Amino acid sequence: MGAYAPMPHVDGRAVDDIMDTAVRPLVEELRRLGIDYRGVLYAGLMLTADGPKVIEYNVRFGDPEAEVVLPLLDADAAELFLAVANGSSRERPPCLLG
């Protein structure tokens, strides 16, 4: 198993599709259940001809995910994680990819 980023062939429309099918429904269900989840949500995906398919969700930030995602942040990861844990971050984290 491995991970890599950035993925130049995945454009903004594909990212929106992934968010709509794999991420937002899960986050909405957590909220509906009254779960105030604060942390990392890693969606392991496979892109298929029929659209994105979820292989796994992880709520930990270990390798290989951290190795690939953390260098894309254009912010101090510790400050970002603290803000999320305290509930004071509602913005999308700054990313080197725009």
PDB file of N, CA and C in Angstrom:
ATOM      1  N   MET A   1       0.852  -1.165   0.000  1.00  0.00           N
ATOM      2  CA  MET A   1       0.000   0.000   0.000  1.00  0.00           C
ATOM      3  C   MET A   1       0.896   1.225   0.000  1.00  0.00           C
ATOM      4  N   GLY A   2       0.458   2.263  -0.629  1.00  0.00           N
ATOM      5  CA  GLY A   2       1.236   3.479  -0.673  1.00  0.00           C
ATOM      6  C   GLY A   2       0.351   4.663  -0.994  1.00  0.00           C
ATOM      7  N   ALA A   3       0.957   5.809  -1.025  1.00  0.00           N
ATOM      8  CA  ALA A   3       0.238   7.039  -1.347  1.00  0.00           C
ATOM      9  C   ALA A   3       1.195   7.968  -2.068  1.00  0.00           C
ATOM     10  N   TYR A   4       0.631   8.846  -2.904  1.00  0.00           N
ATOM     11  CA  TYR A   4       1.451   9.852  -3.545  1.00  0.00           C
ATOM     12  C   TYR A   4       0.621  11.096  -3.815  1.00  0.00           C
ATOM     13  N   ALA A   5       1.286  12.220  -3.888  1.00  0.00           N
ATOM     14  CA  ALA A   5       0.647  13.507  -4.175  1.00  0.00           C
ATOM     15  C   ALA A   5       1.744  14.464  -4.586  1.00  0.00           C
ATOM     16  N   PRO A   6       1.449  15.431  -5.395  1.00  0.00           N
ATOM     17  CA  PRO A   6       0.138  15.722  -5.970  1.00  0.00           C
ATOM     18  C   PRO A   6      -0.186  14.765  -7.106  1.00  0.00           C
ATOM     19  N   MET A   7      -1.429  14.806  -7.527  1.00  0.00           N
ATOM     20  CA  MET A   7      -1.911  13.986  -8.634  1.00  0.00           C
ATOM     21  C   MET A   7      -2.330  14.932  -9.756  1.00  0.00           C
ATOM     22  N   PRO A   8      -1.448  15.223 -10.676  1.00  0.00           N
ATOM     23  CA  PRO A   8      -1.732  16.237 -11.690  1.00  0.00           C
ATOM     24  C   PRO A   8      -2.935  15.927 -12.576  1.00  0.00           C
ATOM     25  N   HIS A   9      -3.291  14.659 -12.719  1.00  0.00           N
ATOM     26  CA  HIS A   9      -4.430  14.301 -13.563  1.00  0.00           C
ATOM     27  C   HIS A   9      -5.775  14.431 -12.840  1.00  0.00           C
ATOM     28  N   VAL A  10      -5.750  14.781 -11.555  1.00  0.00           N
ATOM     29  CA  VAL A  10      -6.986  14.985 -10.794  1.00  0.00           C
ATOM     30  C   VAL A  10      -7.231  16.482 -10.704  1.00  0.00           C
ATOM     31  N   ASP A  11      -8.224  16.938 -11.461  1.00  0.00           N
ATOM     32  CA  ASP A  11      -8.516  18.368 -11.510  1.00  0.00           C
ATOM     33  C   ASP A  11      -9.547  18.754 -10.446  1.00  0.00           C
ATOM     34  N   GLY A  12      -9.885  20.031 -10.414  1.00  0.00           N
ATOM     35  CA  GLY A  12     -10.820  20.544  -9.422  1.00  0.00           C
ATOM     36  C   GLY A  12     -12.174  19.874  -9.465  1.00  0.00           C
ATOM     37  N   ARG A  13     -12.644  19.553 -10.648  1.00  0.00           N
ATOM     38  CA  ARG A  13     -13.942  18.876 -10.782  1.00  0.00           C
ATOM     39  C   ARG A  13     -13.888  17.479 -10.164  1.00  0.00           C
ATOM     40  N   ALA A  14     -12.802  16.773 -10.399  1.00  0.00           N
ATOM     41  CA  ALA A  14     -12.646  15.442  -9.813  1.00  0.00           C
ATOM     42  C   ALA A  14     -12.560  15.517  -8.293  1.00  0.00           C
ATOM     43  N   VAL A  15     -11.866  16.525  -7.780  1.00  0.00           N
ATOM     44  CA  VAL A  15     -11.785  16.702  -6.326  1.00  0.00           C
ATOM     45  C   VAL A  15     -13.170  16.963  -5.754  1.00  0.00           C
ATOM     46  N   ASP A  16     -13.960  17.812  -6.420  1.00  0.00           N
ATOM     47  CA  ASP A  16     -15.327  18.074  -5.965  1.00  0.00           C
ATOM     48  C   ASP A  16     -16.156  16.791  -5.963  1.00  0.00           C
ATOM     49  N   ASP A  17     -15.999  15.960  -6.989  1.00  0.00           N
ATOM     50  CA  ASP A  17     -16.720  14.689  -7.066  1.00  0.00           C
ATOM     51  C   ASP A  17     -16.320  13.771  -5.919  1.00  0.00           C
ATOM     52  N   ILE A  18     -15.033  13.721  -5.637  1.00  0.00           N
ATOM     53  CA  ILE A  18     -14.544  12.907  -4.519  1.00  0.00           C
ATOM     54  C   ILE A  18     -15.126  13.408  -3.203  1.00  0.00           C
ATOM     55  N   MET A  19     -15.099  14.711  -3.002  1.00  0.00           N
ATOM     56  CA  MET A  19     -15.650  15.277  -1.765  1.00  0.00           C
ATOM     57  C   MET A  19     -17.141  14.967  -1.641  1.00  0.00           C
ATOM     58  N   ASP A  20     -17.889  15.097  -2.750  1.00  0.00           N
ATOM     59  CA  ASP A  20     -19.334  14.866  -2.735  1.00  0.00           C
ATOM     60  C   ASP A  20     -19.714  13.414  -2.516  1.00  0.00           C
ATOM     61  N   THR A  21     -18.903  12.492  -2.998  1.00  0.00           N
ATOM     62  CA  THR A  21     -19.261  11.078  -2.889  1.00  0.00           C
ATOM     63  C   THR A  21     -18.594  10.356  -1.730  1.00  0.00           C
ATOM     64  N   ALA A  22     -17.420  10.807  -1.316  1.00  0.00           N
ATOM     65  CA  ALA A  22     -16.652  10.036  -0.334  1.00  0.00           C
ATOM     66  C   ALA A  22     -16.446  10.726   0.999  1.00  0.00           C
ATOM     67  N   VAL A  23     -16.469  12.052   1.025  1.00  0.00           N
ATOM     68  CA  VAL A  23     -16.111  12.747   2.264  1.00  0.00           C
ATOM     69  C   VAL A  23     -17.323  13.427   2.911  1.00  0.00           C
ATOM     70  N   ARG A  24     -17.999  14.295   2.179  1.00  0.00           N
ATOM     71  CA  ARG A  24     -19.111  15.055   2.771  1.00  0.00           C
ATOM     72  C   ARG A  24     -20.207  14.166   3.364  1.00  0.00           C
ATOM     73  N   PRO A  25     -20.618  13.078   2.684  1.00  0.00           N
ATOM     74  CA  PRO A  25     -21.655  12.237   3.299  1.00  0.00           C
ATOM     75  C   PRO A  25     -21.239  11.669   4.659  1.00  0.00           C
ATOM     76  N   LEU A  26     -19.980  11.299   4.790  1.00  0.00           N
ATOM     77  CA  LEU A  26     -19.505  10.777   6.072  1.00  0.00           C
ATOM     78  C   LEU A  26     -19.519  11.864   7.139  1.00  0.00           C
ATOM     79  N   VAL A  27     -19.008  13.040   6.806  1.00  0.00           N
ATOM     80  CA  VAL A  27     -18.975  14.151   7.768  1.00  0.00           C
ATOM     81  C   VAL A  27     -20.402  14.546   8.172  1.00  0.00           C
ATOM     82  N   GLU A  28     -21.317  14.590   7.205  1.00  0.00           N
ATOM     83  CA  GLU A  28     -22.706  14.922   7.510  1.00  0.00           C
ATOM     84  C   GLU A  28     -23.340  13.881   8.432  1.00  0.00           C
ATOM     85  N   GLU A  29     -23.035  12.603   8.213  1.00  0.00           N
ATOM     86  CA  GLU A  29     -23.576  11.551   9.078  1.00  0.00           C
ATOM     87  C   GLU A  29     -23.004  11.648  10.491  1.00  0.00           C
ATOM     88  N   LEU A  30     -21.735  11.962  10.608  1.00  0.00           N
ATOM     89  CA  LEU A  30     -21.156  12.163  11.943  1.00  0.00           C
ATOM     90  C   LEU A  30     -21.883  13.292  12.663  1.00  0.00           C
ATOM     91  N   ARG A  31     -22.123  14.389  11.970  1.00  0.00           N
ATOM     92  CA  ARG A  31     -22.854  15.519  12.581  1.00  0.00           C
ATOM     93  C   ARG A  31     -24.270  15.120  12.958  1.00  0.00           C
ATOM     94  N   ARG A  32     -24.953  14.386  12.058  1.00  0.00           N
ATOM     95  CA  ARG A  32     -26.329  13.955  12.328  1.00  0.00           C
ATOM     96  C   ARG A  32     -26.399  13.096  13.593  1.00  0.00           C
ATOM     97  N   LEU A  33     -25.373  12.300  13.801  1.00  0.00           N
ATOM     98  CA  LEU A  33     -25.308  11.446  14.982  1.00  0.00           C
ATOM     99  C   LEU A  33     -24.827  12.193  16.224  1.00  0.00           C
ATOM    100  N   GLY A  34     -24.528  13.480  16.074  1.00  0.00           N
ATOM    101  CA  GLY A  34     -24.071  14.279  17.211  1.00  0.00           C
ATOM    102  C   GLY A  34     -22.616  14.059  17.567  1.00  0.00           C
ATOM    103  N   ILE A  35     -21.851  13.550  16.636  1.00  0.00           N
ATOM    104  CA  ILE A  35     -20.433  13.292  16.879  1.00  0.00           C
ATOM    105  C   ILE A  35     -19.632  14.511  16.461  1.00  0.00           C
ATOM    106  N   ASP A  36     -18.967  15.125  17.419  1.00  0.00           N
ATOM    107  CA  ASP A  36     -18.134  16.302  17.173  1.00  0.00           C
ATOM    108  C   ASP A  36     -16.711  15.819  16.899  1.00  0.00           C
ATOM    109  N   TYR A  37     -16.507  15.296  15.699  1.00  0.00           N
ATOM    110  CA  TYR A  37     -15.202  14.740  15.358  1.00  0.00           C
ATOM    111  C   TYR A  37     -14.232  15.851  15.009  1.00  0.00           C
ATOM    112  N   ARG A  38     -13.095  15.842  15.663  1.00  0.00           N
ATOM    113  CA  ARG A  38     -12.008  16.784  15.376  1.00  0.00           C
ATOM    114  C   ARG A  38     -10.741  15.977  15.220  1.00  0.00           C
ATOM    115  N   GLY A  39     -10.240  15.963  14.027  1.00  0.00           N
ATOM    116  CA  GLY A  39      -9.036  15.197  13.785  1.00  0.00           C
ATOM    117  C   GLY A  39      -8.829  14.992  12.306  1.00  0.00           C
ATOM    118  N   VAL A  40      -8.004  14.050  12.011  1.00  0.00           N
ATOM    119  CA  VAL A  40      -7.670  13.743  10.634  1.00  0.00           C
ATOM    120  C   VAL A  40      -8.645  12.700  10.109  1.00  0.00           C
ATOM    121  N   LEU A  41      -9.134  12.935   8.919  1.00  0.00           N
ATOM    122  CA  LEU A  41      -9.928  11.932   8.220  1.00  0.00           C
ATOM    123  C   LEU A  41      -9.207  11.670   6.903  1.00  0.00           C
ATOM    124  N   TYR A  42      -8.712  10.482   6.773  1.00  0.00           N
ATOM    125  CA  TYR A  42      -7.999  10.098   5.554  1.00  0.00           C
ATOM    126  C   TYR A  42      -8.887   9.139   4.783  1.00  0.00           C
ATOM    127  N   ALA A  43      -9.250   9.517   3.574  1.00  0.00           N
ATOM    128  CA  ALA A  43     -10.051   8.651   2.718  1.00  0.00           C
ATOM    129  C   ALA A  43      -9.126   7.987   1.706  1.00  0.00           C
ATOM    130  N   GLY A  44      -8.960   6.699   1.836  1.00  0.00           N
ATOM    131  CA  GLY A  44      -8.190   5.936   0.858  1.00  0.00           C
ATOM    132  C   GLY A  44      -9.113   5.600  -0.303  1.00  0.00           C
ATOM    133  N   LEU A  45      -8.778   6.061  -1.490  1.00  0.00           N
ATOM    134  CA  LEU A  45      -9.673   5.952  -2.635  1.00  0.00           C
ATOM    135  C   LEU A  45      -9.042   5.223  -3.802  1.00  0.00           C
ATOM    136  N   MET A  46      -9.900   4.711  -4.651  1.00  0.00           N
ATOM    137  CA  MET A  46      -9.481   4.208  -5.949  1.00  0.00           C
ATOM    138  C   MET A  46     -10.346   4.930  -6.966  1.00  0.00           C
ATOM    139  N   LEU A  47      -9.698   5.543  -7.942  1.00  0.00           N
ATOM    140  CA  LEU A  47     -10.440   6.216  -9.000  1.00  0.00           C
ATOM    141  C   LEU A  47     -10.738   5.202 -10.094  1.00  0.00           C
ATOM    142  N   THR A  48     -12.031   5.042 -10.412  1.00  0.00           N
ATOM    143  CA  THR A  48     -12.456   4.067 -11.407  1.00  0.00           C
ATOM    144  C   THR A  48     -13.222   4.769 -12.521  1.00  0.00           C
ATOM    145  N   ALA A  49     -13.529   4.039 -13.557  1.00  0.00           N
ATOM    146  CA  ALA A  49     -14.329   4.592 -14.658  1.00  0.00           C
ATOM    147  C   ALA A  49     -15.724   4.987 -14.185  1.00  0.00           C
ATOM    148  N   ASP A  50     -16.198   4.369 -13.096  1.00  0.00           N
ATOM    149  CA  ASP A  50     -17.514   4.684 -12.530  1.00  0.00           C
ATOM    150  C   ASP A  50     -17.442   5.754 -11.450  1.00  0.00           C
ATOM    151  N   GLY A  51     -16.282   6.348 -11.266  1.00  0.00           N
ATOM    152  CA  GLY A  51     -16.115   7.371 -10.248  1.00  0.00           C
ATOM    153  C   GLY A  51     -15.281   6.864  -9.089  1.00  0.00           C
ATOM    154  N   PRO A  52     -15.050   7.726  -8.088  1.00  0.00           N
ATOM    155  CA  PRO A  52     -14.214   7.329  -6.954  1.00  0.00           C
ATOM    156  C   PRO A  52     -14.891   6.267  -6.094  1.00  0.00           C
ATOM    157  N   LYS A  53     -14.101   5.342  -5.605  1.00  0.00           N
ATOM    158  CA  LYS A  53     -14.568   4.287  -4.699  1.00  0.00           C
ATOM    159  C   LYS A  53     -13.724   4.340  -3.435  1.00  0.00           C
ATOM    160  N   VAL A  54     -14.380   4.274  -2.284  1.00  0.00           N
ATOM    161  CA  VAL A  54     -13.683   4.301  -0.998  1.00  0.00           C
ATOM    162  C   VAL A  54     -13.141   2.909  -0.701  1.00  0.00           C
ATOM    163  N   ILE A  55     -11.856   2.846  -0.449  1.00  0.00           N
ATOM    164  CA  ILE A  55     -11.226   1.602  -0.022  1.00  0.00           C
ATOM    165  C   ILE A  55     -11.249   1.533   1.505  1.00  0.00           C
ATOM    166  N   GLU A  56     -10.944   2.676   2.122  1.00  0.00           N
ATOM    167  CA  GLU A  56     -10.876   2.725   3.581  1.00  0.00           C
ATOM    168  C   GLU A  56     -10.977   4.167   4.050  1.00  0.00           C
ATOM    169  N   TYR A  57     -11.405   4.313   5.285  1.00  0.00           N
ATOM    170  CA  TYR A  57     -11.282   5.574   6.004  1.00  0.00           C
ATOM    171  C   TYR A  57     -10.356   5.315   7.177  1.00  0.00           C
ATOM    172  N   ASN A  58      -9.484   6.251   7.438  1.00  0.00           N
ATOM    173  CA  ASN A  58      -8.625   6.171   8.616  1.00  0.00           C
ATOM    174  C   ASN A  58      -8.755   7.468   9.391  1.00  0.00           C
ATOM    175  N   VAL A  59      -8.654   7.371  10.696  1.00  0.00           N
ATOM    176  CA  VAL A  59      -8.714   8.552  11.551  1.00  0.00           C
ATOM    177  C   VAL A  59      -7.400   8.755  12.287  1.00  0.00           C
ATOM    178  N   ARG A  60      -6.391   8.147  11.769  1.00  0.00           N
ATOM    179  CA  ARG A  60      -5.045   8.361  12.283  1.00  0.00           C
ATOM    180  C   ARG A  60      -4.214   8.923  11.140  1.00  0.00           C
ATOM    181  N   PHE A  61      -3.114   9.492  11.473  1.00  0.00           N
ATOM    182  CA  PHE A  61      -2.297  10.149  10.460  1.00  0.00           C
ATOM    183  C   PHE A  61      -0.909   9.556  10.510  1.00  0.00           C
ATOM    184  N   GLY A  62      -0.805   8.346  10.015  1.00  0.00           N
ATOM    185  CA  GLY A  62       0.486   7.672  10.002  1.00  0.00           C
ATOM    186  C   GLY A  62       1.040   7.596   8.603  1.00  0.00           C
ATOM    187  N   ASP A  63       2.126   6.869   8.461  1.00  0.00           N
ATOM    188  CA  ASP A  63       2.700   6.664   7.134  1.00  0.00           C
ATOM    189  C   ASP A  63       1.841   5.661   6.382  1.00  0.00           C
ATOM    190  N   PRO A  64       1.681   5.792   5.089  1.00  0.00           N
ATOM    191  CA  PRO A  64       2.339   6.734   4.204  1.00  0.00           C
ATOM    192  C   PRO A  64       1.611   8.072   4.056  1.00  0.00           C
ATOM    193  N   GLU A  65       0.435   8.191   4.680  1.00  0.00           N
ATOM    194  CA  GLU A  65      -0.374   9.393   4.481  1.00  0.00           C
ATOM    195  C   GLU A  65       0.344  10.674   4.893  1.00  0.00           C
ATOM    196  N   ALA A  66       0.900  10.679   6.100  1.00  0.00           N
ATOM    197  CA  ALA A  66       1.551  11.892   6.611  1.00  0.00           C
ATOM    198  C   ALA A  66       2.733  12.300   5.736  1.00  0.00           C
ATOM    199  N   GLU A  67       3.496  11.321   5.290  1.00  0.00           N
ATOM    200  CA  GLU A  67       4.658  11.625   4.439  1.00  0.00           C
ATOM    201  C   GLU A  67       4.260  12.349   3.164  1.00  0.00           C
ATOM    202  N   VAL A  68       3.071  12.053   2.668  1.00  0.00           N
ATOM    203  CA  VAL A  68       2.624  12.609   1.404  1.00  0.00           C
ATOM    204  C   VAL A  68       1.865  13.921   1.588  1.00  0.00           C
ATOM    205  N   VAL A  69       1.043  14.002   2.613  1.00  0.00           N
ATOM    206  CA  VAL A  69       0.154  15.155   2.783  1.00  0.00           C
ATOM    207  C   VAL A  69       0.833  16.323   3.493  1.00  0.00           C
ATOM    208  N   LEU A  70       1.602  16.072   4.524  1.00  0.00           N
ATOM    209  CA  LEU A  70       2.195  17.170   5.295  1.00  0.00           C
ATOM    210  C   LEU A  70       3.066  18.110   4.464  1.00  0.00           C
ATOM    211  N   PRO A  71       3.869  17.628   3.517  1.00  0.00           N
ATOM    212  CA  PRO A  71       4.657  18.571   2.719  1.00  0.00           C
ATOM    213  C   PRO A  71       3.810  19.491   1.838  1.00  0.00           C
ATOM    214  N   LEU A  72       2.543  19.162   1.630  1.00  0.00           N
ATOM    215  CA  LEU A  72       1.666  20.006   0.815  1.00  0.00           C
ATOM    216  C   LEU A  72       1.090  21.184   1.589  1.00  0.00           C
ATOM    217  N   LEU A  73       1.197  21.148   2.911  1.00  0.00           N
ATOM    218  CA  LEU A  73       0.686  22.249   3.729  1.00  0.00           C
ATOM    219  C   LEU A  73       1.598  23.459   3.627  1.00  0.00           C
ATOM    220  N   ASP A  74       0.986  24.607   3.502  1.00  0.00           N
ATOM    221  CA  ASP A  74       1.736  25.863   3.511  1.00  0.00           C
ATOM    222  C   ASP A  74       1.437  26.565   4.834  1.00  0.00           C
ATOM    223  N   ALA A  75       1.559  25.805   5.905  1.00  0.00           N
ATOM    224  CA  ALA A  75       1.260  26.304   7.251  1.00  0.00           C
ATOM    225  C   ALA A  75       2.007  25.439   8.253  1.00  0.00           C
ATOM    226  N   ASP A  76       2.062  25.906   9.475  1.00  0.00           N
ATOM    227  CA  ASP A  76       2.666  25.134  10.553  1.00  0.00           C
ATOM    228  C   ASP A  76       1.678  24.045  10.963  1.00  0.00           C
ATOM    229  N   ALA A  77       2.043  22.796  10.752  1.00  0.00           N
ATOM    230  CA  ALA A  77       1.143  21.685  11.032  1.00  0.00           C
ATOM    231  C   ALA A  77       0.718  21.654  12.499  1.00  0.00           C
ATOM    232  N   ALA A  78       1.635  21.912  13.415  1.00  0.00           N
ATOM    233  CA  ALA A  78       1.296  21.878  14.839  1.00  0.00           C
ATOM    234  C   ALA A  78       0.250  22.936  15.177  1.00  0.00           C
ATOM    235  N   GLU A  79       0.405  24.152  14.640  1.00  0.00           N
ATOM    236  CA  GLU A  79      -0.584  25.203  14.880  1.00  0.00           C
ATOM    237  C   GLU A  79      -1.936  24.833  14.281  1.00  0.00           C
ATOM    238  N   LEU A  80      -1.921  24.269  13.096  1.00  0.00           N
ATOM    239  CA  LEU A  80      -3.155  23.849  12.446  1.00  0.00           C
ATOM    240  C   LEU A  80      -3.860  22.770  13.261  1.00  0.00           C
ATOM    241  N   PHE A  81      -3.121  21.763  13.702  1.00  0.00           N
ATOM    242  CA  PHE A  81      -3.712  20.677  14.483  1.00  0.00           C
ATOM    243  C   PHE A  81      -4.270  21.189  15.802  1.00  0.00           C
ATOM    244  N   LEU A  82      -3.567  22.117  16.443  1.00  0.00           N
ATOM    245  CA  LEU A  82      -4.050  22.690  17.699  1.00  0.00           C
ATOM    246  C   LEU A  82      -5.342  23.465  17.472  1.00  0.00           C
ATOM    247  N   ALA A  83      -5.414  24.250  16.408  1.00  0.00           N
ATOM    248  CA  ALA A  83      -6.622  25.016  16.104  1.00  0.00           C
ATOM    249  C   ALA A  83      -7.805  24.083  15.855  1.00  0.00           C
ATOM    250  N   VAL A  84      -7.579  22.995  15.146  1.00  0.00           N
ATOM    251  CA  VAL A  84      -8.652  22.028  14.894  1.00  0.00           C
ATOM    252  C   VAL A  84      -9.091  21.390  16.207  1.00  0.00           C
ATOM    253  N   ALA A  85      -8.135  20.976  17.027  1.00  0.00           N
ATOM    254  CA  ALA A  85      -8.462  20.340  18.306  1.00  0.00           C
ATOM    255  C   ALA A  85      -9.251  21.277  19.219  1.00  0.00           C
ATOM    256  N   ASN A  86      -8.927  22.570  19.155  1.00  0.00           N
ATOM    257  CA  ASN A  86      -9.624  23.557  19.987  1.00  0.00           C
ATOM    258  C   ASN A  86     -10.930  24.025  19.379  1.00  0.00           C
ATOM    259  N   GLY A  87     -11.215  23.619  18.158  1.00  0.00           N
ATOM    260  CA  GLY A  87     -12.437  24.038  17.492  1.00  0.00           C
ATOM    261  C   GLY A  87     -12.386  25.453  16.958  1.00  0.00           C
ATOM    262  N   SER A  88     -11.197  26.019  16.826  1.00  0.00           N
ATOM    263  CA  SER A  88     -11.091  27.405  16.384  1.00  0.00           C
ATOM    264  C   SER A  88     -10.752  27.536  14.898  1.00  0.00           C
ATOM    265  N   SER A  89     -10.621  26.423  14.198  1.00  0.00           N
ATOM    266  CA  SER A  89     -10.303  26.475  12.769  1.00  0.00           C
ATOM    267  C   SER A  89     -11.513  26.049  11.965  1.00  0.00           C
ATOM    268  N   ARG A  90     -12.015  26.938  11.145  1.00  0.00           N
ATOM    269  CA  ARG A  90     -13.142  26.623  10.273  1.00  0.00           C
ATOM    270  C   ARG A  90     -12.769  26.805   8.813  1.00  0.00           C
ATOM    271  N   GLU A  91     -11.512  27.159   8.585  1.00  0.00           N
ATOM    272  CA  GLU A  91     -11.060  27.413   7.221  1.00  0.00           C
ATOM    273  C   GLU A  91     -10.325  26.211   6.659  1.00  0.00           C
ATOM    274  N   ARG A  92     -10.283  26.159   5.345  1.00  0.00           N
ATOM    275  CA  ARG A  92      -9.503  25.131   4.676  1.00  0.00           C
ATOM    276  C   ARG A  92      -8.031  25.428   4.922  1.00  0.00           C
ATOM    277  N   PRO A  93      -7.241  24.419   5.285  1.00  0.00           N
ATOM    278  CA  PRO A  93      -5.816  24.664   5.530  1.00  0.00           C
ATOM    279  C   PRO A  93      -5.114  25.152   4.273  1.00  0.00           C
ATOM    280  N   PRO A  94      -4.175  26.091   4.431  1.00  0.00           N
ATOM    281  CA  PRO A  94      -3.418  26.541   3.274  1.00  0.00           C
ATOM    282  C   PRO A  94      -2.583  25.394   2.695  1.00  0.00           C
ATOM    283  N   CYS A  95      -2.632  25.277   1.392  1.00  0.00           N
ATOM    284  CA  CYS A  95      -1.966  24.175   0.723  1.00  0.00           C
ATOM    285  C   CYS A  95      -1.079  24.712  -0.382  1.00  0.00           C
ATOM    286  N   LEU A  96       0.056  24.119  -0.566  1.00  0.00           N
ATOM    287  CA  LEU A  96       0.973  24.545  -1.608  1.00  0.00           C
ATOM    288  C   LEU A  96       0.410  24.346  -3.009  1.00  0.00           C
ATOM    289  N   LEU A  97      -0.626  23.547  -3.137  1.00  0.00           N
ATOM    290  CA  LEU A  97      -1.221  23.285  -4.434  1.00  0.00           C
ATOM    291  C   LEU A  97      -2.290  24.306  -4.803  1.00  0.00           C
ATOM    292  N   GLY A  98      -2.560  25.246  -3.921  1.00  0.00           N
ATOM    293  CA  GLY A  98      -3.555  26.268  -4.239  1.00  0.00           C
ATOM    294  C   GLY A  98      -4.811  25.954  -3.630  1.00  0.00           C
TER     295      GLY A  98
END
